[in-house]
Structures are given as C-alpha cells and as structure tokens.
Amino acid sequence: MNELDKAIEIVKILNEKNAKDIRLLHVTDKTIIADYFVICSGFSNTQVKAFAGEIEYKMELKGIKPHHTEGYSEAHWIVLDYSSVIVHIFYNETREFYSLEKLWSDAEEIDVSEYITEK
C-alpha cells in the first residue's frame, strides 16, 4: 500500500464513522515530516476518541500501526503518526482555533469527495 492509498484508506474509515469535514492535504513539498495530512472533526471527546480508535483498529488489521499517537487523554486533538501520513482528529472548536487548513493553505488539497458519503 503506497502512501496515498494509506491516506485514502484512512479517509474511508473516517467517513464510515461519520467524521465531519474530512480533508486530505498533500504536504510533501511543504514539510519533511509527512507526505499527507488527513484532517477531520468530531463533536465530542468521545467521538474524537472513537475515530482514532477505529483508524488504529482497521489499519492494524492491514498490518499498519502508528509510530506514535498523541492526545488521547484530552481528546481535543488526537494525532496518529503513520510516518508519511499524519492524521489530525479534532474536537470541532479546537479545529477552528488551530486552523491547520489555513496554516497549510499552500499545500495541495486532494479531492476525496468520491470517498465521502453525505449522511
């Protein structure tokens, strides 16, 4: 599974769990820390934790484990580091405050609409 496929698989998992405002940014030319950022929102700490747990579970079934996780205790912003794909799962208000999309506005946004179902 290449890095884009990994990122898209994570987008699909988040969509299945009803994550909101899922974005996929291609950041290869902007930073050395990753190739892709997956960003989404949840509307409760429980929901944010559930999204992260589901990603970890389903990716591990494919033999892929995160190298590092951060933020489970507060669940306002959970980060899952899959090396070249970093997943940012935000509590909605925290996402608005940090505004990663604006910070990385010069990154290419990958269209994920074909993987997103409106519910």
PDB file of N, CA and C in Angstrom:
ATOM      1  N   MET A   1       0.859  -1.171   0.000  1.00  0.00           N
ATOM      2  CA  MET A   1       0.000   0.000   0.000  1.00  0.00           C
ATOM      3  C   MET A   1       0.908   1.237   0.000  1.00  0.00           C
ATOM      4  N   ASN A   2       0.761   2.064  -1.041  1.00  0.00           N
ATOM      5  CA  ASN A   2       1.572   3.289  -1.081  1.00  0.00           C
ATOM      6  C   ASN A   2       0.977   4.335  -0.142  1.00  0.00           C
ATOM      7  N   GLU A   3       1.659   5.447  -0.010  1.00  0.00           N
ATOM      8  CA  GLU A   3       1.265   6.447   0.981  1.00  0.00           C
ATOM      9  C   GLU A   3      -0.086   7.104   0.665  1.00  0.00           C
ATOM     10  N   LEU A   4      -0.345   7.382  -0.604  1.00  0.00           N
ATOM     11  CA  LEU A   4      -1.645   7.950  -0.966  1.00  0.00           C
ATOM     12  C   LEU A   4      -2.756   6.948  -0.687  1.00  0.00           C
ATOM     13  N   ASP A   5      -2.535   5.685  -1.013  1.00  0.00           N
ATOM     14  CA  ASP A   5      -3.537   4.656  -0.721  1.00  0.00           C
ATOM     15  C   ASP A   5      -3.807   4.558   0.780  1.00  0.00           C
ATOM     16  N   LYS A   6      -2.751   4.676   1.575  1.00  0.00           N
ATOM     17  CA  LYS A   6      -2.898   4.642   3.033  1.00  0.00           C
ATOM     18  C   LYS A   6      -3.757   5.819   3.499  1.00  0.00           C
ATOM     19  N   ALA A   7      -3.487   7.002   2.979  1.00  0.00           N
ATOM     20  CA  ALA A   7      -4.248   8.191   3.353  1.00  0.00           C
ATOM     21  C   ALA A   7      -5.710   8.053   2.939  1.00  0.00           C
ATOM     22  N   ILE A   8      -5.954   7.549   1.753  1.00  0.00           N
ATOM     23  CA  ILE A   8      -7.329   7.373   1.278  1.00  0.00           C
ATOM     24  C   ILE A   8      -8.058   6.323   2.112  1.00  0.00           C
ATOM     25  N   GLU A   9      -7.370   5.273   2.490  1.00  0.00           N
ATOM     26  CA  GLU A   9      -7.984   4.257   3.355  1.00  0.00           C
ATOM     27  C   GLU A   9      -8.416   4.885   4.682  1.00  0.00           C
ATOM     28  N   ILE A  10      -7.604   5.758   5.226  1.00  0.00           N
ATOM     29  CA  ILE A  10      -7.951   6.452   6.471  1.00  0.00           C
ATOM     30  C   ILE A  10      -9.152   7.364   6.256  1.00  0.00           C
ATOM     31  N   VAL A  11      -9.199   8.056   5.127  1.00  0.00           N
ATOM     32  CA  VAL A  11     -10.359   8.884   4.788  1.00  0.00           C
ATOM     33  C   VAL A  11     -11.630   8.026   4.759  1.00  0.00           C
ATOM     34  N   LYS A  12     -11.550   6.859   4.153  1.00  0.00           N
ATOM     35  CA  LYS A  12     -12.713   5.970   4.075  1.00  0.00           C
ATOM     36  C   LYS A  12     -13.169   5.511   5.459  1.00  0.00           C
ATOM     37  N   ILE A  13     -12.213   5.197   6.320  1.00  0.00           N
ATOM     38  CA  ILE A  13     -12.543   4.769   7.683  1.00  0.00           C
ATOM     39  C   ILE A  13     -13.241   5.907   8.421  1.00  0.00           C
ATOM     40  N   LEU A  14     -12.716   7.099   8.299  1.00  0.00           N
ATOM     41  CA  LEU A  14     -13.333   8.260   8.958  1.00  0.00           C
ATOM     42  C   LEU A  14     -14.736   8.515   8.417  1.00  0.00           C
ATOM     43  N   ASN A  15     -14.910   8.360   7.123  1.00  0.00           N
ATOM     44  CA  ASN A  15     -16.235   8.540   6.526  1.00  0.00           C
ATOM     45  C   ASN A  15     -17.225   7.518   7.087  1.00  0.00           C
ATOM     46  N   GLU A  16     -16.790   6.267   7.206  1.00  0.00           N
ATOM     47  CA  GLU A  16     -17.667   5.223   7.753  1.00  0.00           C
ATOM     48  C   GLU A  16     -18.116   5.547   9.175  1.00  0.00           C
ATOM     49  N   LYS A  17     -17.262   6.228   9.936  1.00  0.00           N
ATOM     50  CA  LYS A  17     -17.576   6.579  11.318  1.00  0.00           C
ATOM     51  C   LYS A  17     -18.252   7.947  11.430  1.00  0.00           C
ATOM     52  N   ASN A  18     -18.585   8.557  10.302  1.00  0.00           N
ATOM     53  CA  ASN A  18     -19.289   9.846  10.260  1.00  0.00           C
ATOM     54  C   ASN A  18     -18.465  11.035  10.750  1.00  0.00           C
ATOM     55  N   ALA A  19     -17.158  11.010  10.518  1.00  0.00           N
ATOM     56  CA  ALA A  19     -16.328  12.177  10.820  1.00  0.00           C
ATOM     57  C   ALA A  19     -16.778  13.326   9.920  1.00  0.00           C
ATOM     58  N   LYS A  20     -16.610  14.534  10.405  1.00  0.00           N
ATOM     59  CA  LYS A  20     -17.058  15.713   9.663  1.00  0.00           C
ATOM     60  C   LYS A  20     -15.883  16.439   9.020  1.00  0.00           C
ATOM     61  N   ASP A  21     -16.169  17.050   7.890  1.00  0.00           N
ATOM     62  CA  ASP A  21     -15.222  17.916   7.187  1.00  0.00           C
ATOM     63  C   ASP A  21     -13.851  17.256   7.005  1.00  0.00           C
ATOM     64  N   ILE A  22     -13.846  16.099   6.378  1.00  0.00           N
ATOM     65  CA  ILE A  22     -12.613  15.342   6.158  1.00  0.00           C
ATOM     66  C   ILE A  22     -11.826  15.993   5.026  1.00  0.00           C
ATOM     67  N   ARG A  23     -10.572  16.271   5.288  1.00  0.00           N
ATOM     68  CA  ARG A  23      -9.683  16.881   4.288  1.00  0.00           C
ATOM     69  C   ARG A  23      -8.420  16.053   4.157  1.00  0.00           C
ATOM     70  N   LEU A  24      -7.865  16.027   2.955  1.00  0.00           N
ATOM     71  CA  LEU A  24      -6.599  15.353   2.691  1.00  0.00           C
ATOM     72  C   LEU A  24      -5.675  16.348   2.012  1.00  0.00           C
ATOM     73  N   LEU A  25      -4.573  16.663   2.681  1.00  0.00           N
ATOM     74  CA  LEU A  25      -3.608  17.625   2.153  1.00  0.00           C
ATOM     75  C   LEU A  25      -2.327  16.904   1.760  1.00  0.00           C
ATOM     76  N   HIS A  26      -1.829  17.226   0.580  1.00  0.00           N
ATOM     77  CA  HIS A  26      -0.553  16.705   0.107  1.00  0.00           C
ATOM     78  C   HIS A  26       0.513  17.730   0.485  1.00  0.00           C
ATOM     79  N   VAL A  27       1.357  17.378   1.454  1.00  0.00           N
ATOM     80  CA  VAL A  27       2.305  18.341   2.024  1.00  0.00           C
ATOM     81  C   VAL A  27       3.763  17.992   1.734  1.00  0.00           C
ATOM     82  N   THR A  28       4.010  17.069   0.828  1.00  0.00           N
ATOM     83  CA  THR A  28       5.371  16.606   0.546  1.00  0.00           C
ATOM     84  C   THR A  28       6.341  17.746   0.286  1.00  0.00           C
ATOM     85  N   ASP A  29       5.934  18.717  -0.518  1.00  0.00           N
ATOM     86  CA  ASP A  29       6.831  19.818  -0.877  1.00  0.00           C
ATOM     87  C   ASP A  29       6.873  20.921   0.175  1.00  0.00           C
ATOM     88  N   LYS A  30       6.072  20.786   1.248  1.00  0.00           N
ATOM     89  CA  LYS A  30       5.962  21.846   2.256  1.00  0.00           C
ATOM     90  C   LYS A  30       6.672  21.521   3.558  1.00  0.00           C
ATOM     91  N   THR A  31       6.894  20.231   3.815  1.00  0.00           N
ATOM     92  CA  THR A  31       7.487  19.816   5.079  1.00  0.00           C
ATOM     93  C   THR A  31       8.163  18.460   4.924  1.00  0.00           C
ATOM     94  N   ILE A  32       9.092  18.172   5.807  1.00  0.00           N
ATOM     95  CA  ILE A  32       9.751  16.863   5.775  1.00  0.00           C
ATOM     96  C   ILE A  32       9.079  15.868   6.720  1.00  0.00           C
ATOM     97  N   ILE A  33       8.090  16.318   7.491  1.00  0.00           N
ATOM     98  CA  ILE A  33       7.511  15.429   8.498  1.00  0.00           C
ATOM     99  C   ILE A  33       6.510  14.424   7.932  1.00  0.00           C
ATOM    100  N   ALA A  34       5.942  14.693   6.762  1.00  0.00           N
ATOM    101  CA  ALA A  34       4.950  13.780   6.194  1.00  0.00           C
ATOM    102  C   ALA A  34       4.717  14.106   4.723  1.00  0.00           C
ATOM    103  N   ASP A  35       4.067  13.174   4.048  1.00  0.00           N
ATOM    104  CA  ASP A  35       3.624  13.404   2.677  1.00  0.00           C
ATOM    105  C   ASP A  35       2.169  13.880   2.644  1.00  0.00           C
ATOM    106  N   TYR A  36       1.377  13.366   3.595  1.00  0.00           N
ATOM    107  CA  TYR A  36      -0.056  13.689   3.614  1.00  0.00           C
ATOM    108  C   TYR A  36      -0.515  13.970   5.039  1.00  0.00           C
ATOM    109  N   PHE A  37      -1.442  14.912   5.152  1.00  0.00           N
ATOM    110  CA  PHE A  37      -2.180  15.152   6.387  1.00  0.00           C
ATOM    111  C   PHE A  37      -3.632  14.803   6.108  1.00  0.00           C
ATOM    112  N   VAL A  38      -4.224  14.026   6.982  1.00  0.00           N
ATOM    113  CA  VAL A  38      -5.662  13.795   6.972  1.00  0.00           C
ATOM    114  C   VAL A  38      -6.206  14.563   8.169  1.00  0.00           C
ATOM    115  N   ILE A  39      -7.209  15.401   7.928  1.00  0.00           N
ATOM    116  CA  ILE A  39      -7.776  16.245   8.974  1.00  0.00           C
ATOM    117  C   ILE A  39      -9.286  16.024   9.009  1.00  0.00           C
ATOM    118  N   CYS A  40      -9.838  15.905  10.219  1.00  0.00           N
ATOM    119  CA  CYS A  40     -11.291  15.770  10.357  1.00  0.00           C
ATOM    120  C   CYS A  40     -11.726  16.305  11.703  1.00  0.00           C
ATOM    121  N   SER A  41     -13.047  16.368  11.901  1.00  0.00           N
ATOM    122  CA  SER A  41     -13.628  16.874  13.146  1.00  0.00           C
ATOM    123  C   SER A  41     -14.634  15.900  13.723  1.00  0.00           C
ATOM    124  N   GLY A  42     -14.755  15.990  15.055  1.00  0.00           N
ATOM    125  CA  GLY A  42     -15.802  15.309  15.788  1.00  0.00           C
ATOM    126  C   GLY A  42     -16.460  16.319  16.709  1.00  0.00           C
ATOM    127  N   PHE A  43     -17.643  15.984  17.209  1.00  0.00           N
ATOM    128  CA  PHE A  43     -18.402  16.929  18.010  1.00  0.00           C
ATOM    129  C   PHE A  43     -18.459  16.585  19.496  1.00  0.00           C
ATOM    130  N   SER A  44     -17.634  15.629  19.909  1.00  0.00           N
ATOM    131  CA  SER A  44     -17.487  15.320  21.330  1.00  0.00           C
ATOM    132  C   SER A  44     -16.135  14.638  21.514  1.00  0.00           C
ATOM    133  N   ASN A  45     -15.649  14.648  22.742  1.00  0.00           N
ATOM    134  CA  ASN A  45     -14.387  13.974  23.030  1.00  0.00           C
ATOM    135  C   ASN A  45     -14.517  12.474  22.775  1.00  0.00           C
ATOM    136  N   THR A  46     -15.673  11.938  23.103  1.00  0.00           N
ATOM    137  CA  THR A  46     -15.924  10.514  22.877  1.00  0.00           C
ATOM    138  C   THR A  46     -15.857  10.190  21.395  1.00  0.00           C
ATOM    139  N   GLN A  47     -16.437  11.037  20.573  1.00  0.00           N
ATOM    140  CA  GLN A  47     -16.419  10.818  19.129  1.00  0.00           C
ATOM    141  C   GLN A  47     -14.996  10.915  18.585  1.00  0.00           C
ATOM    142  N   VAL A  48     -14.229  11.893  19.048  1.00  0.00           N
ATOM    143  CA  VAL A  48     -12.839  12.046  18.607  1.00  0.00           C
ATOM    144  C   VAL A  48     -12.043  10.785  18.941  1.00  0.00           C
ATOM    145  N   LYS A  49     -12.208  10.272  20.152  1.00  0.00           N
ATOM    146  CA  LYS A  49     -11.516   9.038  20.546  1.00  0.00           C
ATOM    147  C   LYS A  49     -11.971   7.848  19.700  1.00  0.00           C
ATOM    148  N   ALA A  50     -13.268   7.796  19.414  1.00  0.00           N
ATOM    149  CA  ALA A  50     -13.799   6.693  18.609  1.00  0.00           C
ATOM    150  C   ALA A  50     -13.214   6.700  17.200  1.00  0.00           C
ATOM    151  N   PHE A  51     -13.066   7.880  16.607  1.00  0.00           N
ATOM    152  CA  PHE A  51     -12.463   7.966  15.274  1.00  0.00           C
ATOM    153  C   PHE A  51     -11.036   7.434  15.299  1.00  0.00           C
ATOM    154  N   ALA A  52     -10.267   7.885  16.286  1.00  0.00           N
ATOM    155  CA  ALA A  52      -8.868   7.456  16.387  1.00  0.00           C
ATOM    156  C   ALA A  52      -8.779   5.950  16.617  1.00  0.00           C
ATOM    157  N   GLY A  53      -9.603   5.443  17.511  1.00  0.00           N
ATOM    158  CA  GLY A  53      -9.592   4.013  17.794  1.00  0.00           C
ATOM    159  C   GLY A  53      -9.952   3.171  16.587  1.00  0.00           C
ATOM    160  N   GLU A  54     -10.914   3.629  15.825  1.00  0.00           N
ATOM    161  CA  GLU A  54     -11.336   2.887  14.627  1.00  0.00           C
ATOM    162  C   GLU A  54     -10.227   2.869  13.579  1.00  0.00           C
ATOM    163  N   ILE A  55      -9.551   3.994  13.398  1.00  0.00           N
ATOM    164  CA  ILE A  55      -8.432   4.035  12.445  1.00  0.00           C
ATOM    165  C   ILE A  55      -7.350   3.061  12.886  1.00  0.00           C
ATOM    166  N   GLU A  56      -6.974   3.133  14.155  1.00  0.00           N
ATOM    167  CA  GLU A  56      -5.924   2.237  14.641  1.00  0.00           C
ATOM    168  C   GLU A  56      -6.316   0.770  14.453  1.00  0.00           C
ATOM    169  N   TYR A  57      -7.547   0.438  14.793  1.00  0.00           N
ATOM    170  CA  TYR A  57      -8.022  -0.939  14.672  1.00  0.00           C
ATOM    171  C   TYR A  57      -8.004  -1.421  13.216  1.00  0.00           C
ATOM    172  N   LYS A  58      -8.618  -0.651  12.338  1.00  0.00           N
ATOM    173  CA  LYS A  58      -8.732  -1.100  10.944  1.00  0.00           C
ATOM    174  C   LYS A  58      -7.394  -1.080  10.203  1.00  0.00           C
ATOM    175  N   MET A  59      -6.541  -0.130  10.528  1.00  0.00           N
ATOM    176  CA  MET A  59      -5.223  -0.111   9.881  1.00  0.00           C
ATOM    177  C   MET A  59      -4.358  -1.249  10.403  1.00  0.00           C
ATOM    178  N   GLU A  60      -4.495  -1.579  11.677  1.00  0.00           N
ATOM    179  CA  GLU A  60      -3.734  -2.702  12.226  1.00  0.00           C
ATOM    180  C   GLU A  60      -4.155  -4.021  11.589  1.00  0.00           C
ATOM    181  N   LEU A  61      -5.425  -4.144  11.223  1.00  0.00           N
ATOM    182  CA  LEU A  61      -5.886  -5.341  10.506  1.00  0.00           C
ATOM    183  C   LEU A  61      -5.149  -5.494   9.176  1.00  0.00           C
ATOM    184  N   LYS A  62      -4.678  -4.380   8.631  1.00  0.00           N
ATOM    185  CA  LYS A  62      -3.920  -4.388   7.376  1.00  0.00           C
ATOM    186  C   LYS A  62      -2.408  -4.449   7.645  1.00  0.00           C
ATOM    187  N   GLY A  63      -2.037  -4.627   8.909  1.00  0.00           N
ATOM    188  CA  GLY A  63      -0.634  -4.726   9.284  1.00  0.00           C
ATOM    189  C   GLY A  63       0.072  -3.386   9.420  1.00  0.00           C
ATOM    190  N   ILE A  64      -0.701  -2.312   9.569  1.00  0.00           N
ATOM    191  CA  ILE A  64      -0.117  -0.967   9.655  1.00  0.00           C
ATOM    192  C   ILE A  64      -0.433  -0.385  11.022  1.00  0.00           C
ATOM    193  N   LYS A  65       0.618  -0.078  11.782  1.00  0.00           N
ATOM    194  CA  LYS A  65       0.457   0.506  13.115  1.00  0.00           C
ATOM    195  C   LYS A  65       1.044   1.907  13.117  1.00  0.00           C
ATOM    196  N   PRO A  66       0.459   2.798  13.924  1.00  0.00           N
ATOM    197  CA  PRO A  66       1.048   4.141  14.014  1.00  0.00           C
ATOM    198  C   PRO A  66       2.385   4.079  14.752  1.00  0.00           C
ATOM    199  N   HIS A  67       3.287   4.962  14.349  1.00  0.00           N
ATOM    200  CA  HIS A  67       4.582   5.036  15.024  1.00  0.00           C
ATOM    201  C   HIS A  67       4.443   5.795  16.343  1.00  0.00           C
ATOM    202  N   HIS A  68       3.461   6.663  16.399  1.00  0.00           N
ATOM    203  CA  HIS A  68       3.251   7.460  17.602  1.00  0.00           C
ATOM    204  C   HIS A  68       1.809   7.962  17.617  1.00  0.00           C
ATOM    205  N   THR A  69       1.247   8.069  18.807  1.00  0.00           N
ATOM    206  CA  THR A  69      -0.066   8.681  18.973  1.00  0.00           C
ATOM    207  C   THR A  69       0.040   9.733  20.072  1.00  0.00           C
ATOM    208  N   GLU A  70      -0.804  10.724  19.991  1.00  0.00           N
ATOM    209  CA  GLU A  70      -0.773  11.809  20.970  1.00  0.00           C
ATOM    210  C   GLU A  70      -2.171  12.377  21.121  1.00  0.00           C
ATOM    211  N   GLY A  71      -2.550  12.729  22.344  1.00  0.00           N
ATOM    212  CA  GLY A  71      -3.778  13.476  22.576  1.00  0.00           C
ATOM    213  C   GLY A  71      -4.971  12.686  23.077  1.00  0.00           C
ATOM    214  N   TYR A  72      -4.826  11.388  23.310  1.00  0.00           N
ATOM    215  CA  TYR A  72      -5.969  10.594  23.755  1.00  0.00           C
ATOM    216  C   TYR A  72      -6.527  11.069  25.097  1.00  0.00           C
ATOM    217  N   SER A  73      -5.670  11.518  26.003  1.00  0.00           N
ATOM    218  CA  SER A  73      -6.145  11.843  27.351  1.00  0.00           C
ATOM    219  C   SER A  73      -7.138  13.005  27.346  1.00  0.00           C
ATOM    220  N   GLU A  74      -6.868  14.044  26.569  1.00  0.00           N
ATOM    221  CA  GLU A  74      -7.774  15.192  26.499  1.00  0.00           C
ATOM    222  C   GLU A  74      -8.813  15.041  25.391  1.00  0.00           C
ATOM    223  N   ALA A  75      -8.416  14.410  24.311  1.00  0.00           N
ATOM    224  CA  ALA A  75      -9.282  14.165  23.147  1.00  0.00           C
ATOM    225  C   ALA A  75      -9.834  15.441  22.522  1.00  0.00           C
ATOM    226  N   HIS A  76      -9.034  16.507  22.555  1.00  0.00           N
ATOM    227  CA  HIS A  76      -9.383  17.719  21.817  1.00  0.00           C
ATOM    228  C   HIS A  76      -8.699  17.721  20.459  1.00  0.00           C
ATOM    229  N   TRP A  77      -7.539  17.047  20.397  1.00  0.00           N
ATOM    230  CA  TRP A  77      -6.775  16.948  19.150  1.00  0.00           C
ATOM    231  C   TRP A  77      -5.928  15.688  19.255  1.00  0.00           C
ATOM    232  N   ILE A  78      -6.348  14.641  18.586  1.00  0.00           N
ATOM    233  CA  ILE A  78      -5.588  13.389  18.584  1.00  0.00           C
ATOM    234  C   ILE A  78      -4.806  13.314  17.284  1.00  0.00           C
ATOM    235  N   VAL A  79      -3.528  12.984  17.416  1.00  0.00           N
ATOM    236  CA  VAL A  79      -2.653  12.840  16.265  1.00  0.00           C
ATOM    237  C   VAL A  79      -2.204  11.385  16.176  1.00  0.00           C
ATOM    238  N   LEU A  80      -2.371  10.795  15.003  1.00  0.00           N
ATOM    239  CA  LEU A  80      -1.882   9.448  14.711  1.00  0.00           C
ATOM    240  C   LEU A  80      -0.803   9.592  13.649  1.00  0.00           C
ATOM    241  N   ASP A  81       0.401   9.161  13.970  1.00  0.00           N
ATOM    242  CA  ASP A  81       1.540   9.312  13.071  1.00  0.00           C
ATOM    243  C   ASP A  81       1.827   7.986  12.379  1.00  0.00           C
ATOM    244  N   TYR A  82       1.483   7.925  11.106  1.00  0.00           N
ATOM    245  CA  TYR A  82       1.768   6.767  10.274  1.00  0.00           C
ATOM    246  C   TYR A  82       2.928   7.092   9.328  1.00  0.00           C
ATOM    247  N   SER A  83       3.968   7.693   9.857  1.00  0.00           N
ATOM    248  CA  SER A  83       5.158   8.137   9.115  1.00  0.00           C
ATOM    249  C   SER A  83       4.797   9.175   8.073  1.00  0.00           C
ATOM    250  N   SER A  84       4.548   8.750   6.877  1.00  0.00           N
ATOM    251  CA  SER A  84       4.290   9.709   5.804  1.00  0.00           C
ATOM    252  C   SER A  84       2.846  10.189   5.757  1.00  0.00           C
ATOM    253  N   VAL A  85       1.983   9.627   6.595  1.00  0.00           N
ATOM    254  CA  VAL A  85       0.597  10.083   6.711  1.00  0.00           C
ATOM    255  C   VAL A  85       0.348  10.413   8.180  1.00  0.00           C
ATOM    256  N   ILE A  86       0.006  11.662   8.439  1.00  0.00           N
ATOM    257  CA  ILE A  86      -0.306  12.079   9.798  1.00  0.00           C
ATOM    258  C   ILE A  86      -1.782  12.454   9.850  1.00  0.00           C
ATOM    259  N   VAL A  87      -2.475  11.858  10.807  1.00  0.00           N
ATOM    260  CA  VAL A  87      -3.910  12.054  10.956  1.00  0.00           C
ATOM    261  C   VAL A  87      -4.153  13.002  12.128  1.00  0.00           C
ATOM    262  N   HIS A  88      -4.917  14.058  11.860  1.00  0.00           N
ATOM    263  CA  HIS A  88      -5.296  15.041  12.873  1.00  0.00           C
ATOM    264  C   HIS A  88      -6.799  14.941  13.084  1.00  0.00           C
ATOM    265  N   ILE A  89      -7.200  14.492  14.268  1.00  0.00           N
ATOM    266  CA  ILE A  89      -8.617  14.349  14.586  1.00  0.00           C
ATOM    267  C   ILE A  89      -8.939  15.385  15.669  1.00  0.00           C
ATOM    268  N   PHE A  90      -9.767  16.334  15.311  1.00  0.00           N
ATOM    269  CA  PHE A  90     -10.039  17.468  16.185  1.00  0.00           C
ATOM    270  C   PHE A  90     -11.440  17.426  16.773  1.00  0.00           C
ATOM    271  N   TYR A  91     -11.546  17.900  18.013  1.00  0.00           N
ATOM    272  CA  TYR A  91     -12.821  18.343  18.553  1.00  0.00           C
ATOM    273  C   TYR A  91     -13.141  19.620  17.763  1.00  0.00           C
ATOM    274  N   ASN A  92     -14.356  19.791  17.332  1.00  0.00           N
ATOM    275  CA  ASN A  92     -14.713  20.838  16.374  1.00  0.00           C
ATOM    276  C   ASN A  92     -14.169  22.226  16.744  1.00  0.00           C
ATOM    277  N   GLU A  93     -14.377  22.668  17.975  1.00  0.00           N
ATOM    278  CA  GLU A  93     -13.917  24.007  18.372  1.00  0.00           C
ATOM    279  C   GLU A  93     -12.393  24.114  18.353  1.00  0.00           C
ATOM    280  N   THR A  94     -11.715  23.047  18.698  1.00  0.00           N
ATOM    281  CA  THR A  94     -10.248  23.043  18.683  1.00  0.00           C
ATOM    282  C   THR A  94      -9.742  23.175  17.256  1.00  0.00           C
ATOM    283  N   ARG A  95     -10.412  22.531  16.332  1.00  0.00           N
ATOM    284  CA  ARG A  95     -10.017  22.644  14.924  1.00  0.00           C
ATOM    285  C   ARG A  95     -10.154  24.081  14.437  1.00  0.00           C
ATOM    286  N   GLU A  96     -11.252  24.725  14.801  1.00  0.00           N
ATOM    287  CA  GLU A  96     -11.444  26.117  14.402  1.00  0.00           C
ATOM    288  C   GLU A  96     -10.348  27.008  14.984  1.00  0.00           C
ATOM    289  N   PHE A  97      -9.954  26.751  16.227  1.00  0.00           N
ATOM    290  CA  PHE A  97      -8.936  27.566  16.877  1.00  0.00           C
ATOM    291  C   PHE A  97      -7.572  27.423  16.198  1.00  0.00           C
ATOM    292  N   TYR A  98      -7.145  26.177  15.942  1.00  0.00           N
ATOM    293  CA  TYR A  98      -5.809  25.953  15.371  1.00  0.00           C
ATOM    294  C   TYR A  98      -5.773  26.138  13.862  1.00  0.00           C
ATOM    295  N   SER A  99      -6.856  25.897  13.192  1.00  0.00           N
ATOM    296  CA  SER A  99      -6.995  26.173  11.768  1.00  0.00           C
ATOM    297  C   SER A  99      -5.821  25.665  10.922  1.00  0.00           C
ATOM    298  N   LEU A 100      -5.577  24.365  10.994  1.00  0.00           N
ATOM    299  CA  LEU A 100      -4.467  23.777  10.229  1.00  0.00           C
ATOM    300  C   LEU A 100      -4.594  24.014   8.731  1.00  0.00           C
ATOM    301  N   GLU A 101      -5.827  24.011   8.239  1.00  0.00           N
ATOM    302  CA  GLU A 101      -6.001  24.232   6.800  1.00  0.00           C
ATOM    303  C   GLU A 101      -5.456  25.594   6.381  1.00  0.00           C
ATOM    304  N   LYS A 102      -5.611  26.592   7.221  1.00  0.00           N
ATOM    305  CA  LYS A 102      -5.054  27.911   6.900  1.00  0.00           C
ATOM    306  C   LYS A 102      -3.541  27.902   7.013  1.00  0.00           C
ATOM    307  N   LEU A 103      -3.034  27.233   8.048  1.00  0.00           N
ATOM    308  CA  LEU A 103      -1.587  27.137   8.232  1.00  0.00           C
ATOM    309  C   LEU A 103      -0.919  26.464   7.029  1.00  0.00           C
ATOM    310  N   TRP A 104      -1.582  25.450   6.492  1.00  0.00           N
ATOM    311  CA  TRP A 104      -1.045  24.698   5.355  1.00  0.00           C
ATOM    312  C   TRP A 104      -1.802  25.039   4.064  1.00  0.00           C
ATOM    313  N   SER A 105      -2.267  26.258   3.939  1.00  0.00           N
ATOM    314  CA  SER A 105      -3.099  26.656   2.797  1.00  0.00           C
ATOM    315  C   SER A 105      -2.376  26.557   1.456  1.00  0.00           C
ATOM    316  N   ASP A 106      -1.053  26.554   1.475  1.00  0.00           N
ATOM    317  CA  ASP A 106      -0.321  26.434   0.217  1.00  0.00           C
ATOM    318  C   ASP A 106      -0.107  24.973  -0.185  1.00  0.00           C
ATOM    319  N   ALA A 107      -0.576  24.037   0.628  1.00  0.00           N
ATOM    320  CA  ALA A 107      -0.495  22.617   0.281  1.00  0.00           C
ATOM    321  C   ALA A 107      -1.616  22.259  -0.686  1.00  0.00           C
ATOM    322  N   GLU A 108      -1.380  21.267  -1.514  1.00  0.00           N
ATOM    323  CA  GLU A 108      -2.398  20.787  -2.449  1.00  0.00           C
ATOM    324  C   GLU A 108      -3.447  19.986  -1.691  1.00  0.00           C
ATOM    325  N   GLU A 109      -4.712  20.341  -1.876  1.00  0.00           N
ATOM    326  CA  GLU A 109      -5.789  19.552  -1.284  1.00  0.00           C
ATOM    327  C   GLU A 109      -6.230  18.492  -2.282  1.00  0.00           C
ATOM    328  N   ILE A 110      -6.220  17.251  -1.835  1.00  0.00           N
ATOM    329  CA  ILE A 110      -6.641  16.124  -2.668  1.00  0.00           C
ATOM    330  C   ILE A 110      -8.160  15.998  -2.561  1.00  0.00           C
ATOM    331  N   ASP A 111      -8.816  15.890  -3.685  1.00  0.00           N
ATOM    332  CA  ASP A 111     -10.275  15.744  -3.709  1.00  0.00           C
ATOM    333  C   ASP A 111     -10.650  14.345  -3.216  1.00  0.00           C
ATOM    334  N   VAL A 112     -11.356  14.279  -2.106  1.00  0.00           N
ATOM    335  CA  VAL A 112     -11.776  12.997  -1.541  1.00  0.00           C
ATOM    336  C   VAL A 112     -13.288  12.796  -1.650  1.00  0.00           C
ATOM    337  N   SER A 113     -13.939  13.632  -2.421  1.00  0.00           N
ATOM    338  CA  SER A 113     -15.403  13.586  -2.493  1.00  0.00           C
ATOM    339  C   SER A 113     -15.931  12.223  -2.936  1.00  0.00           C
ATOM    340  N   GLU A 114     -15.181  11.498  -3.736  1.00  0.00           N
ATOM    341  CA  GLU A 114     -15.670  10.186  -4.176  1.00  0.00           C
ATOM    342  C   GLU A 114     -15.649   9.157  -3.055  1.00  0.00           C
ATOM    343  N   TYR A 115     -14.951   9.460  -1.954  1.00  0.00           N
ATOM    344  CA  TYR A 115     -14.872   8.546  -0.805  1.00  0.00           C
ATOM    345  C   TYR A 115     -15.757   8.981   0.341  1.00  0.00           C
ATOM    346  N   ILE A 116     -16.449  10.100   0.180  1.00  0.00           N
ATOM    347  CA  ILE A 116     -17.273  10.680   1.231  1.00  0.00           C
ATOM    348  C   ILE A 116     -18.737  10.523   0.865  1.00  0.00           C
ATOM    349  N   THR A 117     -19.516  10.003   1.811  1.00  0.00           N
ATOM    350  CA  THR A 117     -20.956   9.919   1.607  1.00  0.00           C
ATOM    351  C   THR A 117     -21.613  10.870   2.591  1.00  0.00           C
ATOM    352  N   GLU A 118     -22.533  11.661   2.110  1.00  0.00           N
ATOM    353  CA  GLU A 118     -23.257  12.606   2.972  1.00  0.00           C
ATOM    354  C   GLU A 118     -24.303  11.834   3.755  1.00  0.00           C
ATOM    355  N   LYS A 119     -24.320  12.072   5.062  1.00  0.00           N
ATOM    356  CA  LYS A 119     -25.269  11.362   5.935  1.00  0.00           C
ATOM    357  C   LYS A 119     -26.064  12.360   6.727  1.00  0.00           C
TER     358      LYS A 119
END
